[in-house]
Amino acid sequence: MPIISMFYGIIIRLYLLDNRHHSLPHVHAKNTEFEASVPIADGEILAGDLPRKQLRLVQAWIELRRDELTADWDLAVSGENPYKIAPL
């Protein structure tokens, strides 16, 4: 589960071959004891939980980096390591 970005105490990961669990392209965001799957398309929580402030930061980052995230998702679901993406 490669880390693709980190900002404001939030770790963003893309799991390899993760399209079997949730078919929507998404990232995993973790902040201390909270973790959530957040779709790349709309930024709404798919599973898990994040505090409101951290969720808003993740949503802003997704909005800015959507094209890069989509390209990384394609790599990850094919079993390849995704590239690092600039933080917020």
PDB file of N, CA and C in Angstrom:
ATOM      1  N   MET A   1       0.819  -1.179   0.000  1.00  0.00           N
ATOM      2  CA  MET A   1       0.000   0.000   0.000  1.00  0.00           C
ATOM      3  C   MET A   1       0.866   1.246   0.000  1.00  0.00           C
ATOM      4  N   PRO A   2       1.254   1.664  -1.160  1.00  0.00           N
ATOM      5  CA  PRO A   2       2.169   2.797  -1.294  1.00  0.00           C
ATOM      6  C   PRO A   2       1.562   4.108  -0.803  1.00  0.00           C
ATOM      7  N   ILE A   3       2.384   4.888  -0.109  1.00  0.00           N
ATOM      8  CA  ILE A   3       1.998   6.247   0.276  1.00  0.00           C
ATOM      9  C   ILE A   3       2.264   7.130  -0.924  1.00  0.00           C
ATOM     10  N   ILE A   4       1.228   7.844  -1.374  1.00  0.00           N
ATOM     11  CA  ILE A   4       1.420   8.713  -2.536  1.00  0.00           C
ATOM     12  C   ILE A   4       1.546  10.182  -2.158  1.00  0.00           C
ATOM     13  N   SER A   5       1.087  10.548  -0.933  1.00  0.00           N
ATOM     14  CA  SER A   5       1.234  11.931  -0.496  1.00  0.00           C
ATOM     15  C   SER A   5       1.011  12.027   1.017  1.00  0.00           C
ATOM     16  N   MET A   6       1.526  13.093   1.606  1.00  0.00           N
ATOM     17  CA  MET A   6       1.321  13.389   3.029  1.00  0.00           C
ATOM     18  C   MET A   6       1.227  14.904   3.186  1.00  0.00           C
ATOM     19  N   PHE A   7       0.244  15.340   3.964  1.00  0.00           N
ATOM     20  CA  PHE A   7       0.106  16.767   4.247  1.00  0.00           C
ATOM     21  C   PHE A   7      -0.750  16.966   5.498  1.00  0.00           C
ATOM     22  N   TYR A   8      -0.381  17.934   6.313  1.00  0.00           N
ATOM     23  CA  TYR A   8      -1.121  18.289   7.527  1.00  0.00           C
ATOM     24  C   TYR A   8      -1.476  17.078   8.390  1.00  0.00           C
ATOM     25  N   GLY A   9      -0.564  16.142   8.519  1.00  0.00           N
ATOM     26  CA  GLY A   9      -0.790  14.971   9.347  1.00  0.00           C
ATOM     27  C   GLY A   9      -1.671  13.903   8.716  1.00  0.00           C
ATOM     28  N   ILE A  10      -1.965  14.058   7.445  1.00  0.00           N
ATOM     29  CA  ILE A  10      -2.808  13.104   6.717  1.00  0.00           C
ATOM     30  C   ILE A  10      -1.923  12.305   5.773  1.00  0.00           C
ATOM     31  N   ILE A  11      -2.062  10.990   5.806  1.00  0.00           N
ATOM     32  CA  ILE A  11      -1.324  10.103   4.912  1.00  0.00           C
ATOM     33  C   ILE A  11      -2.299   9.598   3.860  1.00  0.00           C
ATOM     34  N   ILE A  12      -1.917   9.734   2.595  1.00  0.00           N
ATOM     35  CA  ILE A  12      -2.758   9.286   1.481  1.00  0.00           C
ATOM     36  C   ILE A  12      -2.097   8.076   0.834  1.00  0.00           C
ATOM     37  N   ARG A  13      -2.881   6.998   0.710  1.00  0.00           N
ATOM     38  CA  ARG A  13      -2.377   5.765   0.094  1.00  0.00           C
ATOM     39  C   ARG A  13      -3.302   5.319  -1.034  1.00  0.00           C
ATOM     40  N   LEU A  14      -2.701   4.589  -1.954  1.00  0.00           N
ATOM     41  CA  LEU A  14      -3.446   3.856  -2.983  1.00  0.00           C
ATOM     42  C   LEU A  14      -3.040   2.398  -2.833  1.00  0.00           C
ATOM     43  N   TYR A  15      -3.990   1.540  -2.620  1.00  0.00           N
ATOM     44  CA  TYR A  15      -3.683   0.118  -2.497  1.00  0.00           C
ATOM     45  C   TYR A  15      -3.605  -0.500  -3.878  1.00  0.00           C
ATOM     46  N   LEU A  16      -2.643  -1.373  -4.077  1.00  0.00           N
ATOM     47  CA  LEU A  16      -2.523  -2.071  -5.351  1.00  0.00           C
ATOM     48  C   LEU A  16      -3.675  -3.064  -5.497  1.00  0.00           C
ATOM     49  N   LEU A  17      -4.206  -3.176  -6.705  1.00  0.00           N
ATOM     50  CA  LEU A  17      -5.292  -4.108  -7.032  1.00  0.00           C
ATOM     51  C   LEU A  17      -6.514  -3.910  -6.131  1.00  0.00           C
ATOM     52  N   ASP A  18      -6.803  -2.660  -5.742  1.00  0.00           N
ATOM     53  CA  ASP A  18      -7.875  -2.364  -4.786  1.00  0.00           C
ATOM     54  C   ASP A  18      -9.247  -2.224  -5.428  1.00  0.00           C
ATOM     55  N   ASN A  19      -9.365  -2.402  -6.727  1.00  0.00           N
ATOM     56  CA  ASN A  19     -10.659  -2.234  -7.384  1.00  0.00           C
ATOM     57  C   ASN A  19     -11.613  -3.383  -7.095  1.00  0.00           C
ATOM     58  N   ARG A  20     -11.157  -4.419  -6.402  1.00  0.00           N
ATOM     59  CA  ARG A  20     -12.035  -5.544  -6.071  1.00  0.00           C
ATOM     60  C   ARG A  20     -12.907  -5.233  -4.866  1.00  0.00           C
ATOM     61  N   HIS A  21     -12.393  -4.438  -3.926  1.00  0.00           N
ATOM     62  CA  HIS A  21     -13.146  -4.116  -2.711  1.00  0.00           C
ATOM     63  C   HIS A  21     -14.165  -3.003  -2.965  1.00  0.00           C
ATOM     64  N   HIS A  22     -13.711  -1.907  -3.504  1.00  0.00           N
ATOM     65  CA  HIS A  22     -14.573  -0.792  -3.917  1.00  0.00           C
ATOM     66  C   HIS A  22     -14.254  -0.558  -5.388  1.00  0.00           C
ATOM     67  N   SER A  23     -15.236  -0.684  -6.250  1.00  0.00           N
ATOM     68  CA  SER A  23     -14.941  -0.560  -7.677  1.00  0.00           C
ATOM     69  C   SER A  23     -14.698   0.889  -8.102  1.00  0.00           C
ATOM     70  N   LEU A  24     -15.108   1.854  -7.284  1.00  0.00           N
ATOM     71  CA  LEU A  24     -14.860   3.253  -7.613  1.00  0.00           C
ATOM     72  C   LEU A  24     -13.395   3.615  -7.382  1.00  0.00           C
ATOM     73  N   PRO A  25     -12.797   4.376  -8.274  1.00  0.00           N
ATOM     74  CA  PRO A  25     -11.440   4.863  -8.015  1.00  0.00           C
ATOM     75  C   PRO A  25     -11.434   5.712  -6.736  1.00  0.00           C
ATOM     76  N   HIS A  26     -10.537   5.391  -5.802  1.00  0.00           N
ATOM     77  CA  HIS A  26     -10.514   6.080  -4.523  1.00  0.00           C
ATOM     78  C   HIS A  26      -9.133   6.034  -3.898  1.00  0.00           C
ATOM     79  N   VAL A  27      -8.955   6.865  -2.876  1.00  0.00           N
ATOM     80  CA  VAL A  27      -7.739   6.869  -2.076  1.00  0.00           C
ATOM     81  C   VAL A  27      -8.106   6.510  -0.649  1.00  0.00           C
ATOM     82  N   HIS A  28      -7.109   6.129   0.117  1.00  0.00           N
ATOM     83  CA  HIS A  28      -7.268   5.870   1.539  1.00  0.00           C
ATOM     84  C   HIS A  28      -6.549   6.990   2.278  1.00  0.00           C
ATOM     85  N   ALA A  29      -7.304   7.714   3.101  1.00  0.00           N
ATOM     86  CA  ALA A  29      -6.745   8.820   3.865  1.00  0.00           C
ATOM     87  C   ALA A  29      -6.732   8.436   5.339  1.00  0.00           C
ATOM     88  N   LYS A  30      -5.590   8.623   5.994  1.00  0.00           N
ATOM     89  CA  LYS A  30      -5.460   8.267   7.410  1.00  0.00           C
ATOM     90  C   LYS A  30      -4.917   9.454   8.185  1.00  0.00           C
ATOM     91  N   ASN A  31      -5.558   9.712   9.328  1.00  0.00           N
ATOM     92  CA  ASN A  31      -5.131  10.775  10.229  1.00  0.00           C
ATOM     93  C   ASN A  31      -5.281  10.255  11.646  1.00  0.00           C
ATOM     94  N   THR A  32      -4.188  10.085  12.350  1.00  0.00           N
ATOM     95  CA  THR A  32      -4.145   9.485  13.687  1.00  0.00           C
ATOM     96  C   THR A  32      -4.976   8.206  13.733  1.00  0.00           C
ATOM     97  N   GLU A  33      -6.077   8.189  14.491  1.00  0.00           N
ATOM     98  CA  GLU A  33      -6.868   6.959  14.600  1.00  0.00           C
ATOM     99  C   GLU A  33      -7.997   6.865  13.574  1.00  0.00           C
ATOM    100  N   PHE A  34      -8.137   7.844  12.706  1.00  0.00           N
ATOM    101  CA  PHE A  34      -9.199   7.845  11.705  1.00  0.00           C
ATOM    102  C   PHE A  34      -8.671   7.433  10.337  1.00  0.00           C
ATOM    103  N   GLU A  35      -9.509   6.714   9.583  1.00  0.00           N
ATOM    104  CA  GLU A  35      -9.148   6.331   8.219  1.00  0.00           C
ATOM    105  C   GLU A  35     -10.419   6.228   7.388  1.00  0.00           C
ATOM    106  N   ALA A  36     -10.332   6.672   6.140  1.00  0.00           N
ATOM    107  CA  ALA A  36     -11.493   6.620   5.262  1.00  0.00           C
ATOM    108  C   ALA A  36     -11.063   6.364   3.825  1.00  0.00           C
ATOM    109  N   SER A  37     -11.951   5.725   3.076  1.00  0.00           N
ATOM    110  CA  SER A  37     -11.808   5.590   1.627  1.00  0.00           C
ATOM    111  C   SER A  37     -12.581   6.746   1.011  1.00  0.00           C
ATOM    112  N   VAL A  38     -11.904   7.505   0.147  1.00  0.00           N
ATOM    113  CA  VAL A  38     -12.509   8.700  -0.429  1.00  0.00           C
ATOM    114  C   VAL A  38     -12.429   8.613  -1.955  1.00  0.00           C
ATOM    115  N   PRO A  39     -13.584   8.581  -2.643  1.00  0.00           N
ATOM    116  CA  PRO A  39     -13.575   8.488  -4.101  1.00  0.00           C
ATOM    117  C   PRO A  39     -12.916   9.700  -4.767  1.00  0.00           C
ATOM    118  N   ILE A  40     -12.219   9.430  -5.848  1.00  0.00           N
ATOM    119  CA  ILE A  40     -11.553  10.487  -6.609  1.00  0.00           C
ATOM    120  C   ILE A  40     -12.579  11.368  -7.327  1.00  0.00           C
ATOM    121  N   ALA A  41     -13.691  10.797  -7.722  1.00  0.00           N
ATOM    122  CA  ALA A  41     -14.692  11.534  -8.497  1.00  0.00           C
ATOM    123  C   ALA A  41     -15.388  12.633  -7.710  1.00  0.00           C
ATOM    124  N   ASP A  42     -15.840  12.325  -6.485  1.00  0.00           N
ATOM    125  CA  ASP A  42     -16.649  13.317  -5.766  1.00  0.00           C
ATOM    126  C   ASP A  42     -16.131  13.688  -4.384  1.00  0.00           C
ATOM    127  N   GLY A  43     -15.156  12.968  -3.844  1.00  0.00           N
ATOM    128  CA  GLY A  43     -14.569  13.316  -2.560  1.00  0.00           C
ATOM    129  C   GLY A  43     -15.425  13.019  -1.341  1.00  0.00           C
ATOM    130  N   GLU A  44     -16.550  12.358  -1.513  1.00  0.00           N
ATOM    131  CA  GLU A  44     -17.397  12.000  -0.375  1.00  0.00           C
ATOM    132  C   GLU A  44     -16.930  10.657   0.198  1.00  0.00           C
ATOM    133  N   ILE A  45     -17.040  10.473   1.498  1.00  0.00           N
ATOM    134  CA  ILE A  45     -16.534   9.258   2.138  1.00  0.00           C
ATOM    135  C   ILE A  45     -17.288   8.027   1.648  1.00  0.00           C
ATOM    136  N   LEU A  46     -16.531   7.051   1.212  1.00  0.00           N
ATOM    137  CA  LEU A  46     -17.064   5.778   0.738  1.00  0.00           C
ATOM    138  C   LEU A  46     -17.164   4.794   1.901  1.00  0.00           C
ATOM    139  N   ALA A  47     -16.168   4.771   2.743  1.00  0.00           N
ATOM    140  CA  ALA A  47     -16.145   3.904   3.921  1.00  0.00           C
ATOM    141  C   ALA A  47     -15.209   4.528   4.946  1.00  0.00           C
ATOM    142  N   GLY A  48     -15.455   4.271   6.225  1.00  0.00           N
ATOM    143  CA  GLY A  48     -14.606   4.785   7.282  1.00  0.00           C
ATOM    144  C   GLY A  48     -15.056   6.146   7.769  1.00  0.00           C
ATOM    145  N   ASP A  49     -14.117   6.874   8.379  1.00  0.00           N
ATOM    146  CA  ASP A  49     -14.446   8.166   8.973  1.00  0.00           C
ATOM    147  C   ASP A  49     -13.201   9.041   9.066  1.00  0.00           C
ATOM    148  N   LEU A  50     -13.386  10.325   8.853  1.00  0.00           N
ATOM    149  CA  LEU A  50     -12.355  11.340   9.057  1.00  0.00           C
ATOM    150  C   LEU A  50     -13.014  12.546   9.721  1.00  0.00           C
ATOM    151  N   PRO A  51     -12.289  13.246  10.589  1.00  0.00           N
ATOM    152  CA  PRO A  51     -12.833  14.494  11.123  1.00  0.00           C
ATOM    153  C   PRO A  51     -13.110  15.471   9.976  1.00  0.00           C
ATOM    154  N   ARG A  52     -14.088  16.319  10.179  1.00  0.00           N
ATOM    155  CA  ARG A  52     -14.535  17.259   9.130  1.00  0.00           C
ATOM    156  C   ARG A  52     -13.381  18.073   8.535  1.00  0.00           C
ATOM    157  N   LYS A  53     -12.521  18.624   9.398  1.00  0.00           N
ATOM    158  CA  LYS A  53     -11.411  19.463   8.913  1.00  0.00           C
ATOM    159  C   LYS A  53     -10.485  18.666   7.986  1.00  0.00           C
ATOM    160  N   GLN A  54     -10.115  17.461   8.383  1.00  0.00           N
ATOM    161  CA  GLN A  54      -9.228  16.644   7.575  1.00  0.00           C
ATOM    162  C   GLN A  54      -9.912  16.199   6.281  1.00  0.00           C
ATOM    163  N   LEU A  55     -11.201  15.891   6.356  1.00  0.00           N
ATOM    164  CA  LEU A  55     -11.933  15.526   5.147  1.00  0.00           C
ATOM    165  C   LEU A  55     -11.922  16.672   4.149  1.00  0.00           C
ATOM    166  N   ARG A  56     -12.126  17.883   4.616  1.00  0.00           N
ATOM    167  CA  ARG A  56     -12.120  19.052   3.712  1.00  0.00           C
ATOM    168  C   ARG A  56     -10.743  19.232   3.060  1.00  0.00           C
ATOM    169  N   LEU A  57      -9.683  18.990   3.809  1.00  0.00           N
ATOM    170  CA  LEU A  57      -8.338  19.077   3.232  1.00  0.00           C
ATOM    171  C   LEU A  57      -8.134  18.014   2.155  1.00  0.00           C
ATOM    172  N   VAL A  58      -8.576  16.792   2.438  1.00  0.00           N
ATOM    173  CA  VAL A  58      -8.455  15.704   1.456  1.00  0.00           C
ATOM    174  C   VAL A  58      -9.285  16.033   0.210  1.00  0.00           C
ATOM    175  N   GLN A  59     -10.479  16.555   0.393  1.00  0.00           N
ATOM    176  CA  GLN A  59     -11.330  16.906  -0.744  1.00  0.00           C
ATOM    177  C   GLN A  59     -10.699  17.998  -1.602  1.00  0.00           C
ATOM    178  N   ALA A  60     -10.103  18.997  -0.970  1.00  0.00           N
ATOM    179  CA  ALA A  60      -9.429  20.066  -1.714  1.00  0.00           C
ATOM    180  C   ALA A  60      -8.250  19.506  -2.497  1.00  0.00           C
ATOM    181  N   TRP A  61      -7.485  18.625  -1.860  1.00  0.00           N
ATOM    182  CA  TRP A  61      -6.340  18.008  -2.530  1.00  0.00           C
ATOM    183  C   TRP A  61      -6.793  17.174  -3.724  1.00  0.00           C
ATOM    184  N   ILE A  62      -7.846  16.384  -3.540  1.00  0.00           N
ATOM    185  CA  ILE A  62      -8.371  15.569  -4.640  1.00  0.00           C
ATOM    186  C   ILE A  62      -8.791  16.470  -5.802  1.00  0.00           C
ATOM    187  N   GLU A  63      -9.468  17.557  -5.503  1.00  0.00           N
ATOM    188  CA  GLU A  63      -9.922  18.485  -6.546  1.00  0.00           C
ATOM    189  C   GLU A  63      -8.740  19.019  -7.362  1.00  0.00           C
ATOM    190  N   LEU A  64      -7.652  19.364  -6.671  1.00  0.00           N
ATOM    191  CA  LEU A  64      -6.470  19.906  -7.345  1.00  0.00           C
ATOM    192  C   LEU A  64      -5.675  18.849  -8.119  1.00  0.00           C
ATOM    193  N   ARG A  65      -5.728  17.611  -7.679  1.00  0.00           N
ATOM    194  CA  ARG A  65      -4.861  16.560  -8.222  1.00  0.00           C
ATOM    195  C   ARG A  65      -5.622  15.437  -8.927  1.00  0.00           C
ATOM    196  N   ARG A  66      -6.870  15.672  -9.309  1.00  0.00           N
ATOM    197  CA  ARG A  66      -7.725  14.618  -9.859  1.00  0.00           C
ATOM    198  C   ARG A  66      -7.099  13.890 -11.060  1.00  0.00           C
ATOM    199  N   ASP A  67      -6.507  14.604 -11.986  1.00  0.00           N
ATOM    200  CA  ASP A  67      -5.913  13.952 -13.163  1.00  0.00           C
ATOM    201  C   ASP A  67      -4.750  13.037 -12.769  1.00  0.00           C
ATOM    202  N   GLU A  68      -3.897  13.516 -11.876  1.00  0.00           N
ATOM    203  CA  GLU A  68      -2.782  12.693 -11.411  1.00  0.00           C
ATOM    204  C   GLU A  68      -3.278  11.471 -10.634  1.00  0.00           C
ATOM    205  N   LEU A  69      -4.315  11.668  -9.826  1.00  0.00           N
ATOM    206  CA  LEU A  69      -4.887  10.561  -9.057  1.00  0.00           C
ATOM    207  C   LEU A  69      -5.492   9.496  -9.961  1.00  0.00           C
ATOM    208  N   THR A  70      -6.167   9.935 -11.005  1.00  0.00           N
ATOM    209  CA  THR A  70      -6.763   8.991 -11.955  1.00  0.00           C
ATOM    210  C   THR A  70      -5.681   8.172 -12.638  1.00  0.00           C
ATOM    211  N   ALA A  71      -4.594   8.818 -13.029  1.00  0.00           N
ATOM    212  CA  ALA A  71      -3.481   8.094 -13.657  1.00  0.00           C
ATOM    213  C   ALA A  71      -2.857   7.111 -12.665  1.00  0.00           C
ATOM    214  N   ASP A  72      -2.681   7.534 -11.403  1.00  0.00           N
ATOM    215  CA  ASP A  72      -2.140   6.637 -10.386  1.00  0.00           C
ATOM    216  C   ASP A  72      -3.077   5.466 -10.108  1.00  0.00           C
ATOM    217  N   TRP A  73      -4.390   5.720 -10.085  1.00  0.00           N
ATOM    218  CA  TRP A  73      -5.369   4.641  -9.874  1.00  0.00           C
ATOM    219  C   TRP A  73      -5.200   3.576 -10.954  1.00  0.00           C
ATOM    220  N   ASP A  74      -5.077   4.001 -12.203  1.00  0.00           N
ATOM    221  CA  ASP A  74      -4.910   3.048 -13.305  1.00  0.00           C
ATOM    222  C   ASP A  74      -3.655   2.198 -13.113  1.00  0.00           C
ATOM    223  N   LEU A  75      -2.578   2.809 -12.660  1.00  0.00           N
ATOM    224  CA  LEU A  75      -1.360   2.056 -12.378  1.00  0.00           C
ATOM    225  C   LEU A  75      -1.585   1.061 -11.239  1.00  0.00           C
ATOM    226  N   ALA A  76      -2.202   1.518 -10.161  1.00  0.00           N
ATOM    227  CA  ALA A  76      -2.391   0.681  -8.979  1.00  0.00           C
ATOM    228  C   ALA A  76      -3.278  -0.529  -9.249  1.00  0.00           C
ATOM    229  N   VAL A  77      -4.360  -0.350 -10.002  1.00  0.00           N
ATOM    230  CA  VAL A  77      -5.247  -1.488 -10.250  1.00  0.00           C
ATOM    231  C   VAL A  77      -4.620  -2.501 -11.213  1.00  0.00           C
ATOM    232  N   SER A  78      -3.595  -2.077 -11.930  1.00  0.00           N
ATOM    233  CA  SER A  78      -2.892  -3.026 -12.791  1.00  0.00           C
ATOM    234  C   SER A  78      -1.706  -3.662 -12.055  1.00  0.00           C
ATOM    235  N   GLY A  79      -1.543  -3.325 -10.759  1.00  0.00           N
ATOM    236  CA  GLY A  79      -0.497  -3.930  -9.943  1.00  0.00           C
ATOM    237  C   GLY A  79       0.825  -3.188  -9.953  1.00  0.00           C
ATOM    238  N   GLU A  80       0.870  -2.020 -10.592  1.00  0.00           N
ATOM    239  CA  GLU A  80       2.096  -1.225 -10.638  1.00  0.00           C
ATOM    240  C   GLU A  80       2.101  -0.192  -9.520  1.00  0.00           C
ATOM    241  N   ASN A  81       3.285   0.193  -9.084  1.00  0.00           N
ATOM    242  CA  ASN A  81       3.387   1.217  -8.046  1.00  0.00           C
ATOM    243  C   ASN A  81       3.004   2.586  -8.599  1.00  0.00           C
ATOM    244  N   PRO A  82       2.115   3.300  -7.894  1.00  0.00           N
ATOM    245  CA  PRO A  82       1.747   4.651  -8.332  1.00  0.00           C
ATOM    246  C   PRO A  82       2.866   5.643  -8.015  1.00  0.00           C
ATOM    247  N   TYR A  83       2.808   6.784  -8.664  1.00  0.00           N
ATOM    248  CA  TYR A  83       3.774   7.860  -8.442  1.00  0.00           C
ATOM    249  C   TYR A  83       3.380   8.701  -7.244  1.00  0.00           C
ATOM    250  N   LYS A  84       4.357   9.351  -6.632  1.00  0.00           N
ATOM    251  CA  LYS A  84       4.094  10.319  -5.567  1.00  0.00           C
ATOM    252  C   LYS A  84       3.384  11.518  -6.191  1.00  0.00           C
ATOM    253  N   ILE A  85       2.501  12.123  -5.411  1.00  0.00           N
ATOM    254  CA  ILE A  85       1.770  13.298  -5.865  1.00  0.00           C
ATOM    255  C   ILE A  85       2.024  14.416  -4.864  1.00  0.00           C
ATOM    256  N   ALA A  86       2.216  15.626  -5.359  1.00  0.00           N
ATOM    257  CA  ALA A  86       2.527  16.777  -4.503  1.00  0.00           C
ATOM    258  C   ALA A  86       1.458  16.964  -3.434  1.00  0.00           C
ATOM    259  N   PRO A  87       1.871  17.379  -2.238  1.00  0.00           N
ATOM    260  CA  PRO A  87       0.907  17.609  -1.156  1.00  0.00           C
ATOM    261  C   PRO A  87       0.099  18.884  -1.399  1.00  0.00           C
ATOM    262  N   LEU A  88      -0.813  19.114  -0.501  1.00  0.00           N
ATOM    263  CA  LEU A  88      -1.677  20.300  -0.569  1.00  0.00           C
ATOM    264  C   LEU A  88      -0.883  21.531  -0.214  1.00  0.00           C
TER     265      LEU A  88
END
